[in-house]
N, C-alpha and C. Protein backbone atom coordinates (compact mmCIF):
# COMPACT_ATOMS: atom_id res chain seq x y z
N MET A 1 175.13 123.31 108.30
CA MET A 1 174.49 124.57 108.00
C MET A 1 174.02 124.52 106.54
N ASN A 2 172.87 125.12 106.28
CA ASN A 2 172.31 125.15 104.94
C ASN A 2 172.33 126.57 104.38
N CYS A 3 172.23 126.69 103.07
CA CYS A 3 172.22 127.98 102.39
C CYS A 3 170.94 128.74 102.75
N LEU A 4 171.08 129.96 103.22
CA LEU A 4 169.93 130.78 103.57
C LEU A 4 169.10 131.14 102.34
N ASP A 5 169.75 131.42 101.22
CA ASP A 5 169.04 131.83 100.02
C ASP A 5 168.29 130.69 99.34
N CYS A 6 168.63 129.46 99.65
CA CYS A 6 167.93 128.29 99.06
C CYS A 6 166.72 127.89 99.88
N HIS A 7 166.48 128.50 100.99
CA HIS A 7 165.36 128.15 101.87
C HIS A 7 164.07 128.19 101.08
N PRO A 8 163.18 127.26 101.14
CA PRO A 8 163.04 126.19 102.13
C PRO A 8 163.77 124.89 101.76
N HIS A 9 164.52 124.86 100.67
CA HIS A 9 165.30 123.67 100.33
C HIS A 9 166.48 123.55 101.28
N THR A 10 167.04 122.36 101.36
CA THR A 10 168.17 122.16 102.26
C THR A 10 169.45 121.89 101.47
N THR A 11 169.99 122.96 100.89
CA THR A 11 171.25 122.88 100.16
C THR A 11 172.38 123.18 101.14
N PRO A 12 173.38 122.29 101.24
CA PRO A 12 174.46 122.53 102.18
C PRO A 12 175.25 123.80 101.84
N ALA A 13 175.61 124.54 102.87
CA ALA A 13 176.42 125.76 102.69
C ALA A 13 177.88 125.37 102.49
N VAL A 14 178.56 126.09 101.60
CA VAL A 14 180.00 125.87 101.38
C VAL A 14 180.82 127.06 101.90
N ALA A 15 180.14 128.15 102.26
CA ALA A 15 180.82 129.34 102.76
C ALA A 15 179.86 130.14 103.63
N VAL A 16 180.43 131.15 104.29
CA VAL A 16 179.64 132.04 105.14
C VAL A 16 179.91 133.46 104.68
N CYS A 17 178.86 134.27 104.56
CA CYS A 17 179.01 135.68 104.18
C CYS A 17 179.86 136.37 105.24
N GLY A 18 180.89 137.08 104.79
CA GLY A 18 181.79 137.78 105.69
C GLY A 18 181.18 138.98 106.36
N ARG A 19 180.02 139.43 105.91
CA ARG A 19 179.36 140.60 106.53
C ARG A 19 178.22 140.18 107.44
N CYS A 20 177.25 139.40 106.94
CA CYS A 20 176.07 139.09 107.73
C CYS A 20 176.11 137.70 108.36
N GLY A 21 177.01 136.84 107.90
CA GLY A 21 177.14 135.50 108.49
C GLY A 21 176.19 134.46 107.95
N ALA A 22 175.48 134.76 106.87
CA ALA A 22 174.56 133.79 106.28
C ALA A 22 175.33 132.65 105.63
N GLY A 23 174.82 131.42 105.77
CA GLY A 23 175.39 130.28 105.07
C GLY A 23 175.03 130.36 103.60
N LEU A 24 175.99 130.01 102.73
CA LEU A 24 175.78 130.15 101.28
C LEU A 24 176.24 128.91 100.54
N CYS A 25 175.44 128.49 99.55
CA CYS A 25 175.87 127.42 98.66
C CYS A 25 176.72 128.04 97.56
N ALA A 26 177.35 127.21 96.74
CA ALA A 26 178.22 127.70 95.67
C ALA A 26 177.46 128.57 94.67
N GLU A 27 176.17 128.28 94.46
CA GLU A 27 175.38 129.06 93.49
C GLU A 27 175.11 130.49 93.98
N HIS A 28 174.92 130.69 95.28
CA HIS A 28 174.56 132.00 95.82
C HIS A 28 175.76 132.78 96.37
N LEU A 29 176.93 132.22 96.32
CA LEU A 29 178.13 132.86 96.83
C LEU A 29 178.66 133.91 95.83
N VAL A 30 178.98 135.09 96.31
CA VAL A 30 179.59 136.14 95.48
C VAL A 30 181.03 136.29 95.98
N GLU A 31 181.97 135.89 95.15
CA GLU A 31 183.39 135.92 95.53
C GLU A 31 184.12 136.98 94.71
N SER A 32 184.87 137.82 95.38
CA SER A 32 185.68 138.82 94.70
C SER A 32 187.03 138.91 95.42
N GLU A 33 187.89 139.78 94.90
CA GLU A 33 189.20 139.96 95.51
C GLU A 33 189.22 141.25 96.30
N ASP A 34 189.97 141.24 97.36
CA ASP A 34 190.16 142.43 98.18
C ASP A 34 191.66 142.63 98.33
N HIS A 35 192.12 143.82 98.12
CA HIS A 35 193.55 144.11 98.18
C HIS A 35 193.86 144.81 99.49
N LEU A 36 194.60 144.12 100.33
CA LEU A 36 195.03 144.70 101.60
C LEU A 36 196.19 145.65 101.35
N THR A 37 196.33 146.63 102.22
CA THR A 37 197.42 147.60 102.11
C THR A 37 198.08 147.81 103.46
N PHE A 38 199.27 148.37 103.41
CA PHE A 38 199.93 148.82 104.63
C PHE A 38 200.59 150.15 104.32
N THR A 39 200.84 150.92 105.35
CA THR A 39 201.46 152.23 105.18
C THR A 39 202.97 152.08 105.35
N ALA A 40 203.69 152.41 104.29
CA ALA A 40 205.14 152.34 104.30
C ALA A 40 205.72 153.70 104.72
N VAL A 41 207.02 153.78 104.66
CA VAL A 41 207.70 155.02 105.03
C VAL A 41 207.15 156.20 104.24
N ILE A 42 207.06 157.35 104.87
CA ILE A 42 206.55 158.60 104.29
C ILE A 42 205.08 158.47 103.88
N ASN A 43 204.30 157.76 104.69
CA ASN A 43 202.86 157.61 104.48
C ASN A 43 202.48 157.17 103.08
N ARG A 44 203.24 156.28 102.52
CA ARG A 44 202.94 155.73 101.19
C ARG A 44 202.18 154.42 101.37
N GLU A 45 201.00 154.32 100.76
CA GLU A 45 200.17 153.11 100.87
C GLU A 45 200.63 152.08 99.84
N VAL A 46 200.91 150.86 100.31
CA VAL A 46 201.43 149.80 99.45
C VAL A 46 200.48 148.60 99.52
N GLN A 47 200.16 148.02 98.35
CA GLN A 47 199.29 146.85 98.30
C GLN A 47 200.08 145.60 98.71
N VAL A 48 199.40 144.75 99.45
CA VAL A 48 199.97 143.46 99.85
C VAL A 48 199.60 142.44 98.80
N SER A 49 200.50 141.57 98.45
CA SER A 49 200.23 140.55 97.45
C SER A 49 200.41 139.20 98.11
N PRO A 50 199.61 138.21 97.86
CA PRO A 50 198.47 138.17 96.95
C PRO A 50 197.23 138.80 97.58
N SER A 51 196.20 138.98 96.75
CA SER A 51 194.94 139.53 97.26
C SER A 51 194.23 138.47 98.10
N VAL A 52 193.27 138.90 98.89
CA VAL A 52 192.50 137.99 99.74
C VAL A 52 191.11 137.78 99.16
N ARG A 53 190.48 136.68 99.55
CA ARG A 53 189.11 136.42 99.12
C ARG A 53 188.14 137.30 99.88
N HIS A 54 187.10 137.74 99.18
CA HIS A 54 186.05 138.57 99.75
C HIS A 54 184.76 137.83 99.47
N LEU A 55 184.20 137.14 100.48
CA LEU A 55 183.01 136.31 100.30
C LEU A 55 181.78 137.04 100.84
N ARG A 56 180.76 137.18 99.99
CA ARG A 56 179.54 137.88 100.39
C ARG A 56 178.33 137.15 99.82
N CYS A 57 177.18 137.34 100.48
CA CYS A 57 175.92 136.89 99.91
C CYS A 57 175.50 137.95 98.87
N SER A 58 174.53 137.66 98.06
CA SER A 58 174.17 138.60 96.99
C SER A 58 173.62 139.91 97.55
N ARG A 59 172.91 139.86 98.66
CA ARG A 59 172.36 141.08 99.26
C ARG A 59 173.47 142.00 99.79
N CYS A 60 174.42 141.44 100.53
CA CYS A 60 175.52 142.25 101.06
C CYS A 60 176.43 142.76 99.93
N ALA A 61 176.65 141.94 98.91
CA ALA A 61 177.49 142.36 97.78
C ALA A 61 176.83 143.55 97.06
N ALA A 62 175.51 143.50 96.87
CA ALA A 62 174.81 144.60 96.23
C ALA A 62 174.88 145.86 97.08
N ALA A 63 174.73 145.74 98.38
CA ALA A 63 174.80 146.90 99.27
C ALA A 63 176.20 147.52 99.26
N GLU A 64 177.24 146.69 99.23
CA GLU A 64 178.61 147.21 99.19
C GLU A 64 178.90 147.90 97.86
N ARG A 65 178.37 147.37 96.76
CA ARG A 65 178.54 148.04 95.46
C ARG A 65 177.86 149.39 95.46
N ALA A 66 176.65 149.45 96.01
CA ALA A 66 175.91 150.73 96.08
C ALA A 66 176.66 151.73 96.95
N GLN A 67 177.24 151.28 98.05
CA GLN A 67 178.00 152.15 98.93
C GLN A 67 179.24 152.69 98.20
N ALA A 68 179.93 151.83 97.47
CA ALA A 68 181.12 152.24 96.74
C ALA A 68 180.79 153.26 95.66
N MET A 69 179.64 153.06 94.99
CA MET A 69 179.23 153.99 93.93
C MET A 69 178.89 155.35 94.54
N ARG A 70 178.26 155.35 95.71
CA ARG A 70 177.88 156.60 96.37
C ARG A 70 179.14 157.36 96.82
N LYS A 71 180.16 156.62 97.31
CA LYS A 71 181.40 157.25 97.74
C LYS A 71 182.15 157.84 96.55
N ALA A 72 182.08 157.16 95.40
CA ALA A 72 182.80 157.60 94.21
C ALA A 72 182.17 158.86 93.60
N ALA A 73 180.89 159.05 93.84
CA ALA A 73 180.18 160.18 93.25
C ALA A 73 180.45 161.49 93.97
């Protein structure tokens, strides 16, 4: 599989976007951390450690940031 964002060049993909499934090279990969949680006794939300990888293409990462900003407002 080749990187979708490098098209028409044939750069091998090193990861896949977790949202849209596009193949991504190391240059176009957006990696961040995601903190999983679970609900403990008395509905208390607790973070699970360690954090997990969150792999996205630049387009999906930008859309998720915009969505988060809209929710925060």
